[in-house]
Amino acid sequence: MAGGWAKDGAVSEQIEASVNDELARMKSRAQPVGESLKFCAECEEEIPQARREAVRGVKLCIECVAERDTAFKARGGINRRGSKDSQLK
């Protein structure tokens, strides 16, 4: 059942599009490649040998990676619905 100008199945299409966008964003995250650094690129502390062997192309120490991962990253939302209420905010 569609409401307003939306066609049947519009909600399912919106959900599927959002899931596909998030999957594409996750897949696009570059994985480190190449030779690992001996010293962290940010704090210049030595990266343990075990970490360098476990993660190919590692550039950051564990502390710097943890700090970067917990930092807030604002992402712009996409207004798929296009309702007047959501455009006025």
PDB file of N, CA and C in Angstrom:
ATOM      1  N   MET A   1       0.841  -1.179   0.000  1.00  0.00           N
ATOM      2  CA  MET A   1       0.000   0.000   0.000  1.00  0.00           C
ATOM      3  C   MET A   1       0.880   1.233   0.000  1.00  0.00           C
ATOM      4  N   ALA A   2       0.672   2.104  -0.938  1.00  0.00           N
ATOM      5  CA  ALA A   2       1.475   3.311  -1.053  1.00  0.00           C
ATOM      6  C   ALA A   2       0.724   4.485  -0.459  1.00  0.00           C
ATOM      7  N   GLY A   3       1.471   5.414   0.097  1.00  0.00           N
ATOM      8  CA  GLY A   3       0.857   6.621   0.645  1.00  0.00           C
ATOM      9  C   GLY A   3       1.317   7.828  -0.145  1.00  0.00           C
ATOM     10  N   GLY A   4       0.394   8.732  -0.438  1.00  0.00           N
ATOM     11  CA  GLY A   4       0.769   9.939  -1.174  1.00  0.00           C
ATOM     12  C   GLY A   4       1.179   9.606  -2.589  1.00  0.00           C
ATOM     13  N   TRP A   5       2.336  10.138  -3.004  1.00  0.00           N
ATOM     14  CA  TRP A   5       2.805   9.925  -4.374  1.00  0.00           C
ATOM     15  C   TRP A   5       3.754   8.735  -4.487  1.00  0.00           C
ATOM     16  N   ALA A   6       4.016   8.085  -3.387  1.00  0.00           N
ATOM     17  CA  ALA A   6       4.956   6.963  -3.404  1.00  0.00           C
ATOM     18  C   ALA A   6       4.313   5.747  -4.067  1.00  0.00           C
ATOM     19  N   LYS A   7       5.094   5.039  -4.832  1.00  0.00           N
ATOM     20  CA  LYS A   7       4.587   3.825  -5.472  1.00  0.00           C
ATOM     21  C   LYS A   7       4.677   2.650  -4.514  1.00  0.00           C
ATOM     22  N   ASP A   8       4.009   1.576  -4.848  1.00  0.00           N
ATOM     23  CA  ASP A   8       4.050   0.372  -4.016  1.00  0.00           C
ATOM     24  C   ASP A   8       5.485  -0.131  -3.912  1.00  0.00           C
ATOM     25  N   GLY A   9       5.891  -0.499  -2.697  1.00  0.00           N
ATOM     26  CA  GLY A   9       7.231  -1.023  -2.479  1.00  0.00           C
ATOM     27  C   GLY A   9       8.300   0.048  -2.321  1.00  0.00           C
ATOM     28  N   ALA A  10       7.891   1.322  -2.241  1.00  0.00           N
ATOM     29  CA  ALA A  10       8.875   2.407  -2.150  1.00  0.00           C
ATOM     30  C   ALA A  10       9.696   2.324  -0.866  1.00  0.00           C
ATOM     31  N   VAL A  11       9.062   1.948   0.231  1.00  0.00           N
ATOM     32  CA  VAL A  11       9.777   1.862   1.507  1.00  0.00           C
ATOM     33  C   VAL A  11      10.844   0.769   1.433  1.00  0.00           C
ATOM     34  N   SER A  12      10.491  -0.365   0.868  1.00  0.00           N
ATOM     35  CA  SER A  12      11.457  -1.456   0.730  1.00  0.00           C
ATOM     36  C   SER A  12      12.629  -1.036  -0.148  1.00  0.00           C
ATOM     37  N   GLU A  13      12.340  -0.295  -1.212  1.00  0.00           N
ATOM     38  CA  GLU A  13      13.414   0.182  -2.086  1.00  0.00           C
ATOM     39  C   GLU A  13      14.332   1.157  -1.358  1.00  0.00           C
ATOM     40  N   GLN A  14      13.757   2.016  -0.507  1.00  0.00           N
ATOM     41  CA  GLN A  14      14.564   2.964   0.262  1.00  0.00           C
ATOM     42  C   GLN A  14      15.477   2.232   1.231  1.00  0.00           C
ATOM     43  N   ILE A  15      14.937   1.240   1.910  1.00  0.00           N
ATOM     44  CA  ILE A  15      15.738   0.464   2.859  1.00  0.00           C
ATOM     45  C   ILE A  15      16.854  -0.267   2.127  1.00  0.00           C
ATOM     46  N   GLU A  16      16.521  -0.904   1.018  1.00  0.00           N
ATOM     47  CA  GLU A  16      17.522  -1.638   0.244  1.00  0.00           C
ATOM     48  C   GLU A  16      18.615  -0.698  -0.279  1.00  0.00           C
ATOM     49  N   ALA A  17      18.222   0.486  -0.741  1.00  0.00           N
ATOM     50  CA  ALA A  17      19.203   1.449  -1.239  1.00  0.00           C
ATOM     51  C   ALA A  17      20.121   1.912  -0.116  1.00  0.00           C
ATOM     52  N   SER A  18      19.575   2.133   1.078  1.00  0.00           N
ATOM     53  CA  SER A  18      20.400   2.550   2.214  1.00  0.00           C
ATOM     54  C   SER A  18      21.393   1.465   2.602  1.00  0.00           C
ATOM     55  N   VAL A  19      20.930   0.227   2.629  1.00  0.00           N
ATOM     56  CA  VAL A  19      21.815  -0.899   2.962  1.00  0.00           C
ATOM     57  C   VAL A  19      22.913  -1.033   1.916  1.00  0.00           C
ATOM     58  N   ASN A  20      22.555  -0.935   0.640  1.00  0.00           N
ATOM     59  CA  ASN A  20      23.554  -1.039  -0.428  1.00  0.00           C
ATOM     60  C   ASN A  20      24.572   0.087  -0.372  1.00  0.00           C
ATOM     61  N   ASP A  21      24.116   1.302  -0.049  1.00  0.00           N
ATOM     62  CA  ASP A  21      25.045   2.429   0.091  1.00  0.00           C
ATOM     63  C   ASP A  21      26.048   2.184   1.209  1.00  0.00           C
ATOM     64  N   GLU A  22      25.562   1.680   2.345  1.00  0.00           N
ATOM     65  CA  GLU A  22      26.447   1.426   3.482  1.00  0.00           C
ATOM     66  C   GLU A  22      27.428   0.305   3.164  1.00  0.00           C
ATOM     67  N   LEU A  23      26.966  -0.741   2.498  1.00  0.00           N
ATOM     68  CA  LEU A  23      27.874  -1.825   2.102  1.00  0.00           C
ATOM     69  C   LEU A  23      28.949  -1.327   1.141  1.00  0.00           C
ATOM     70  N   ALA A  24      28.559  -0.482   0.198  1.00  0.00           N
ATOM     71  CA  ALA A  24      29.534   0.075  -0.746  1.00  0.00           C
ATOM     72  C   ALA A  24      30.553   0.945  -0.017  1.00  0.00           C
ATOM     73  N   ARG A  25      30.089   1.717   0.972  1.00  0.00           N
ATOM     74  CA  ARG A  25      31.004   2.566   1.744  1.00  0.00           C
ATOM     75  C   ARG A  25      31.998   1.714   2.522  1.00  0.00           C
ATOM     76  N   MET A  26      31.524   0.615   3.107  1.00  0.00           N
ATOM     77  CA  MET A  26      32.409  -0.249   3.878  1.00  0.00           C
ATOM     78  C   MET A  26      33.424  -0.948   2.984  1.00  0.00           C
ATOM     79  N   LYS A  27      32.994  -1.371   1.787  1.00  0.00           N
ATOM     80  CA  LYS A  27      33.902  -2.054   0.867  1.00  0.00           C
ATOM     81  C   LYS A  27      34.946  -1.107   0.294  1.00  0.00           C
ATOM     82  N   SER A  28      34.604   0.177   0.216  1.00  0.00           N
ATOM     83  CA  SER A  28      35.521   1.131  -0.389  1.00  0.00           C
ATOM     84  C   SER A  28      36.649   1.555   0.550  1.00  0.00           C
ATOM     85  N   ARG A  29      36.521   1.218   1.819  1.00  0.00           N
ATOM     86  CA  ARG A  29      37.595   1.565   2.758  1.00  0.00           C
ATOM     87  C   ARG A  29      38.867   0.846   2.339  1.00  0.00           C
ATOM     88  N   ALA A  30      39.893   1.607   2.105  1.00  0.00           N
ATOM     89  CA  ALA A  30      41.146   1.034   1.610  1.00  0.00           C
ATOM     90  C   ALA A  30      41.811   0.183   2.689  1.00  0.00           C
ATOM     91  N   GLN A  31      42.188  -0.998   2.324  1.00  0.00           N
ATOM     92  CA  GLN A  31      42.935  -1.880   3.209  1.00  0.00           C
ATOM     93  C   GLN A  31      44.422  -1.587   3.026  1.00  0.00           C
ATOM     94  N   PRO A  32      45.191  -1.563   4.120  1.00  0.00           N
ATOM     95  CA  PRO A  32      46.618  -1.290   3.979  1.00  0.00           C
ATOM     96  C   PRO A  32      47.307  -2.378   3.161  1.00  0.00           C
ATOM     97  N   VAL A  33      48.201  -1.954   2.314  1.00  0.00           N
ATOM     98  CA  VAL A  33      48.978  -2.887   1.504  1.00  0.00           C
ATOM     99  C   VAL A  33      50.428  -2.434   1.527  1.00  0.00           C
ATOM    100  N   GLY A  34      51.283  -3.308   1.091  1.00  0.00           N
ATOM    101  CA  GLY A  34      52.691  -2.967   1.019  1.00  0.00           C
ATOM    102  C   GLY A  34      53.426  -3.292   2.296  1.00  0.00           C
ATOM    103  N   GLU A  35      54.574  -2.692   2.448  1.00  0.00           N
ATOM    104  CA  GLU A  35      55.430  -2.961   3.594  1.00  0.00           C
ATOM    105  C   GLU A  35      54.986  -2.153   4.811  1.00  0.00           C
ATOM    106  N   SER A  36      54.994  -2.782   5.965  1.00  0.00           N
ATOM    107  CA  SER A  36      54.625  -2.113   7.203  1.00  0.00           C
ATOM    108  C   SER A  36      55.731  -1.162   7.641  1.00  0.00           C
ATOM    109  N   LEU A  37      55.328  -0.095   8.314  1.00  0.00           N
ATOM    110  CA  LEU A  37      56.302   0.836   8.873  1.00  0.00           C
ATOM    111  C   LEU A  37      56.802   0.300  10.211  1.00  0.00           C
ATOM    112  N   LYS A  38      58.034   0.628  10.533  1.00  0.00           N
ATOM    113  CA  LYS A  38      58.572   0.219  11.830  1.00  0.00           C
ATOM    114  C   LYS A  38      58.139   1.177  12.925  1.00  0.00           C
ATOM    115  N   PHE A  39      57.906   2.444  12.547  1.00  0.00           N
ATOM    116  CA  PHE A  39      57.477   3.460  13.503  1.00  0.00           C
ATOM    117  C   PHE A  39      56.147   4.051  13.048  1.00  0.00           C
ATOM    118  N   CYS A  40      55.287   4.363  14.009  1.00  0.00           N
ATOM    119  CA  CYS A  40      53.959   4.903  13.740  1.00  0.00           C
ATOM    120  C   CYS A  40      54.062   6.203  12.953  1.00  0.00           C
ATOM    121  N   ALA A  41      53.205   6.373  11.954  1.00  0.00           N
ATOM    122  CA  ALA A  41      53.219   7.562  11.110  1.00  0.00           C
ATOM    123  C   ALA A  41      52.717   8.798  11.856  1.00  0.00           C
ATOM    124  N   GLU A  42      51.996   8.625  12.957  1.00  0.00           N
ATOM    125  CA  GLU A  42      51.474   9.773  13.699  1.00  0.00           C
ATOM    126  C   GLU A  42      52.283  10.107  14.936  1.00  0.00           C
ATOM    127  N   CYS A  43      52.522   9.126  15.804  1.00  0.00           N
ATOM    128  CA  CYS A  43      53.207   9.433  17.071  1.00  0.00           C
ATOM    129  C   CYS A  43      54.679   9.021  17.075  1.00  0.00           C
ATOM    130  N   GLU A  44      55.131   8.331  16.052  1.00  0.00           N
ATOM    131  CA  GLU A  44      56.512   7.906  15.867  1.00  0.00           C
ATOM    132  C   GLU A  44      57.006   6.897  16.912  1.00  0.00           C
ATOM    133  N   GLU A  45      56.054   6.241  17.623  1.00  0.00           N
ATOM    134  CA  GLU A  45      56.424   5.156  18.520  1.00  0.00           C
ATOM    135  C   GLU A  45      56.663   3.906  17.685  1.00  0.00           C
ATOM    136  N   GLU A  46      57.486   2.997  18.193  1.00  0.00           N
ATOM    137  CA  GLU A  46      57.764   1.765  17.459  1.00  0.00           C
ATOM    138  C   GLU A  46      56.523   0.878  17.426  1.00  0.00           C
ATOM    139  N   ILE A  47      56.231   0.333  16.254  1.00  0.00           N
ATOM    140  CA  ILE A  47      55.116  -0.603  16.092  1.00  0.00           C
ATOM    141  C   ILE A  47      55.663  -1.993  16.392  1.00  0.00           C
ATOM    142  N   PRO A  48      55.034  -2.744  17.299  1.00  0.00           N
ATOM    143  CA  PRO A  48      55.545  -4.077  17.657  1.00  0.00           C
ATOM    144  C   PRO A  48      55.649  -4.996  16.440  1.00  0.00           C
ATOM    145  N   GLN A  49      56.670  -5.837  16.456  1.00  0.00           N
ATOM    146  CA  GLN A  49      56.921  -6.768  15.357  1.00  0.00           C
ATOM    147  C   GLN A  49      55.713  -7.662  15.105  1.00  0.00           C
ATOM    148  N   ALA A  50      55.060  -8.118  16.164  1.00  0.00           N
ATOM    149  CA  ALA A  50      53.904  -9.001  15.998  1.00  0.00           C
ATOM    150  C   ALA A  50      52.791  -8.299  15.228  1.00  0.00           C
ATOM    151  N   ARG A  51      52.569  -7.012  15.474  1.00  0.00           N
ATOM    152  CA  ARG A  51      51.541  -6.260  14.750  1.00  0.00           C
ATOM    153  C   ARG A  51      51.934  -6.083  13.289  1.00  0.00           C
ATOM    154  N   ARG A  52      53.201  -5.805  13.046  1.00  0.00           N
ATOM    155  CA  ARG A  52      53.666  -5.628  11.664  1.00  0.00           C
ATOM    156  C   ARG A  52      53.512  -6.911  10.857  1.00  0.00           C
ATOM    157  N   GLU A  53      53.697  -8.061  11.514  1.00  0.00           N
ATOM    158  CA  GLU A  53      53.541  -9.339  10.821  1.00  0.00           C
ATOM    159  C   GLU A  53      52.068  -9.706  10.650  1.00  0.00           C
ATOM    160  N   ALA A  54      51.233  -9.329  11.619  1.00  0.00           N
ATOM    161  CA  ALA A  54      49.818  -9.700  11.575  1.00  0.00           C
ATOM    162  C   ALA A  54      49.027  -8.855  10.580  1.00  0.00           C
ATOM    163  N   VAL A  55      49.379  -7.578  10.441  1.00  0.00           N
ATOM    164  CA  VAL A  55      48.629  -6.665   9.573  1.00  0.00           C
ATOM    165  C   VAL A  55      49.571  -6.149   8.493  1.00  0.00           C
ATOM    166  N   ARG A  56      49.310  -6.549   7.247  1.00  0.00           N
ATOM    167  CA  ARG A  56      50.149  -6.096   6.138  1.00  0.00           C
ATOM    168  C   ARG A  56      49.985  -4.594   5.930  1.00  0.00           C
ATOM    169  N   GLY A  57      51.067  -3.906   5.728  1.00  0.00           N
ATOM    170  CA  GLY A  57      51.030  -2.495   5.394  1.00  0.00           C
ATOM    171  C   GLY A  57      50.598  -1.587   6.527  1.00  0.00           C
ATOM    172  N   VAL A  58      50.762  -2.049   7.768  1.00  0.00           N
ATOM    173  CA  VAL A  58      50.339  -1.240   8.915  1.00  0.00           C
ATOM    174  C   VAL A  58      51.179   0.027   8.998  1.00  0.00           C
ATOM    175  N   LYS A  59      50.497   1.154   9.257  1.00  0.00           N
ATOM    176  CA  LYS A  59      51.179   2.451   9.321  1.00  0.00           C
ATOM    177  C   LYS A  59      51.054   3.107  10.689  1.00  0.00           C
ATOM    178  N   LEU A  60      50.086   2.635  11.504  1.00  0.00           N
ATOM    179  CA  LEU A  60      49.819   3.252  12.801  1.00  0.00           C
ATOM    180  C   LEU A  60      49.929   2.233  13.927  1.00  0.00           C
ATOM    181  N   CYS A  61      50.303   2.725  15.106  1.00  0.00           N
ATOM    182  CA  CYS A  61      50.341   1.862  16.287  1.00  0.00           C
ATOM    183  C   CYS A  61      48.903   1.639  16.776  1.00  0.00           C
ATOM    184  N   ILE A  62      48.736   0.730  17.701  1.00  0.00           N
ATOM    185  CA  ILE A  62      47.406   0.368  18.190  1.00  0.00           C
ATOM    186  C   ILE A  62      46.723   1.567  18.842  1.00  0.00           C
ATOM    187  N   GLU A  63      47.445   2.362  19.614  1.00  0.00           N
ATOM    188  CA  GLU A  63      46.848   3.511  20.296  1.00  0.00           C
ATOM    189  C   GLU A  63      46.320   4.540  19.295  1.00  0.00           C
ATOM    190  N   CYS A  64      47.079   4.820  18.247  1.00  0.00           N
ATOM    191  CA  CYS A  64      46.649   5.796  17.243  1.00  0.00           C
ATOM    192  C   CYS A  64      45.455   5.281  16.443  1.00  0.00           C
ATOM    193  N   VAL A  65      45.437   3.990  16.142  1.00  0.00           N
ATOM    194  CA  VAL A  65      44.299   3.413  15.426  1.00  0.00           C
ATOM    195  C   VAL A  65      43.048   3.486  16.294  1.00  0.00           C
ATOM    196  N   ALA A  66      43.182   3.166  17.577  1.00  0.00           N
ATOM    197  CA  ALA A  66      42.033   3.214  18.485  1.00  0.00           C
ATOM    198  C   ALA A  66      41.501   4.635  18.604  1.00  0.00           C
ATOM    199  N   GLU A  67      42.399   5.604  18.692  1.00  0.00           N
ATOM    200  CA  GLU A  67      41.981   7.006  18.775  1.00  0.00           C
ATOM    201  C   GLU A  67      41.270   7.445  17.500  1.00  0.00           C
ATOM    202  N   ARG A  68      41.781   7.046  16.366  1.00  0.00           N
ATOM    203  CA  ARG A  68      41.178   7.405  15.079  1.00  0.00           C
ATOM    204  C   ARG A  68      39.816   6.737  14.913  1.00  0.00           C
ATOM    205  N   ASP A  69      39.697   5.485  15.340  1.00  0.00           N
ATOM    206  CA  ASP A  69      38.441   4.760  15.188  1.00  0.00           C
ATOM    207  C   ASP A  69      37.332   5.306  16.075  1.00  0.00           C
ATOM    208  N   THR A  70      37.687   5.846  17.239  1.00  0.00           N
ATOM    209  CA  THR A  70      36.667   6.359  18.157  1.00  0.00           C
ATOM    210  C   THR A  70      36.324   7.818  17.893  1.00  0.00           C
ATOM    211  N   ALA A  71      37.069   8.494  17.036  1.00  0.00           N
ATOM    212  CA  ALA A  71      36.784   9.895  16.730  1.00  0.00           C
ATOM    213  C   ALA A  71      35.463  10.002  15.969  1.00  0.00           C
ATOM    214  N   PHE A  72      34.697  11.049  16.272  1.00  0.00           N
ATOM    215  CA  PHE A  72      33.405  11.264  15.619  1.00  0.00           C
ATOM    216  C   PHE A  72      33.623  11.674  14.174  1.00  0.00           C
ATOM    217  N   LYS A  73      32.879  11.030  13.281  1.00  0.00           N
ATOM    218  CA  LYS A  73      32.960  11.354  11.863  1.00  0.00           C
ATOM    219  C   LYS A  73      31.566  11.683  11.365  1.00  0.00           C
ATOM    220  N   ALA A  74      31.312  12.950  11.100  1.00  0.00           N
ATOM    221  CA  ALA A  74      29.996  13.352  10.606  1.00  0.00           C
ATOM    222  C   ALA A  74      29.877  12.980   9.134  1.00  0.00           C
ATOM    223  N   ARG A  75      28.748  12.384   8.797  1.00  0.00           N
ATOM    224  CA  ARG A  75      28.480  12.036   7.402  1.00  0.00           C
ATOM    225  C   ARG A  75      27.198  12.715   6.998  1.00  0.00           C
ATOM    226  N   GLY A  76      27.173  13.206   5.810  1.00  0.00           N
ATOM    227  CA  GLY A  76      25.965  13.839   5.312  1.00  0.00           C
ATOM    228  C   GLY A  76      24.902  12.802   5.015  1.00  0.00           C
ATOM    229  N   GLY A  77      23.687  13.087   5.451  1.00  0.00           N
ATOM    230  CA  GLY A  77      22.585  12.171   5.191  1.00  0.00           C
ATOM    231  C   GLY A  77      21.973  12.440   3.824  1.00  0.00           C
ATOM    232  N   ILE A  78      21.338  11.445   3.301  1.00  0.00           N
ATOM    233  CA  ILE A  78      20.672  11.577   2.013  1.00  0.00           C
ATOM    234  C   ILE A  78      19.177  11.519   2.266  1.00  0.00           C
ATOM    235  N   ASN A  79      18.462  12.533   1.807  1.00  0.00           N
ATOM    236  CA  ASN A  79      17.031  12.576   1.977  1.00  0.00           C
ATOM    237  C   ASN A  79      16.376  11.804   0.841  1.00  0.00           C
ATOM    238  N   ARG A  80      16.172  10.511   1.055  1.00  0.00           N
ATOM    239  CA  ARG A  80      15.556   9.684   0.023  1.00  0.00           C
ATOM    240  C   ARG A  80      14.040   9.867   0.000  1.00  0.00           C
ATOM    241  N   ARG A  81      13.491  10.237   1.127  1.00  0.00           N
ATOM    242  CA  ARG A  81      12.048  10.328   1.223  1.00  0.00           C
ATOM    243  C   ARG A  81      11.533  11.549   0.468  1.00  0.00           C
ATOM    244  N   GLY A  82      12.179  12.678   0.643  1.00  0.00           N
ATOM    245  CA  GLY A  82      11.804  13.872  -0.100  1.00  0.00           C
ATOM    246  C   GLY A  82      10.529  14.517   0.405  1.00  0.00           C
ATOM    247  N   SER A  83      10.143  14.258   1.672  1.00  0.00           N
ATOM    248  CA  SER A  83       8.931  14.880   2.185  1.00  0.00           C
ATOM    249  C   SER A  83       9.200  16.330   2.544  1.00  0.00           C
ATOM    250  N   LYS A  84       8.153  17.133   2.559  1.00  0.00           N
ATOM    251  CA  LYS A  84       8.291  18.551   2.888  1.00  0.00           C
ATOM    252  C   LYS A  84       8.834  18.730   4.286  1.00  0.00           C
ATOM    253  N   ASP A  85       8.354  17.914   5.226  1.00  0.00           N
ATOM    254  CA  ASP A  85       8.796  18.055   6.620  1.00  0.00           C
ATOM    255  C   ASP A  85      10.299  17.867   6.764  1.00  0.00           C
ATOM    256  N   SER A  86      10.853  16.872   6.084  1.00  0.00           N
ATOM    257  CA  SER A  86      12.279  16.612   6.225  1.00  0.00           C
ATOM    258  C   SER A  86      13.116  17.673   5.503  1.00  0.00           C
ATOM    259  N   GLN A  87      12.558  18.339   4.527  1.00  0.00           N
ATOM    260  CA  GLN A  87      13.291  19.386   3.802  1.00  0.00           C
ATOM    261  C   GLN A  87      13.298  20.697   4.564  1.00  0.00           C
ATOM    262  N   LEU A  88      12.331  20.905   5.450  1.00  0.00           N
ATOM    263  CA  LEU A  88      12.237  22.150   6.181  1.00  0.00           C
ATOM    264  C   LEU A  88      13.182  22.207   7.358  1.00  0.00           C
ATOM    265  N   LYS A  89      13.682  21.085   7.810  1.00  0.00           N
ATOM    266  CA  LYS A  89      14.552  21.041   8.988  1.00  0.00           C
ATOM    267  C   LYS A  89      15.945  21.478   8.684  1.00  0.00           C
TER     268      LYS A  89
END
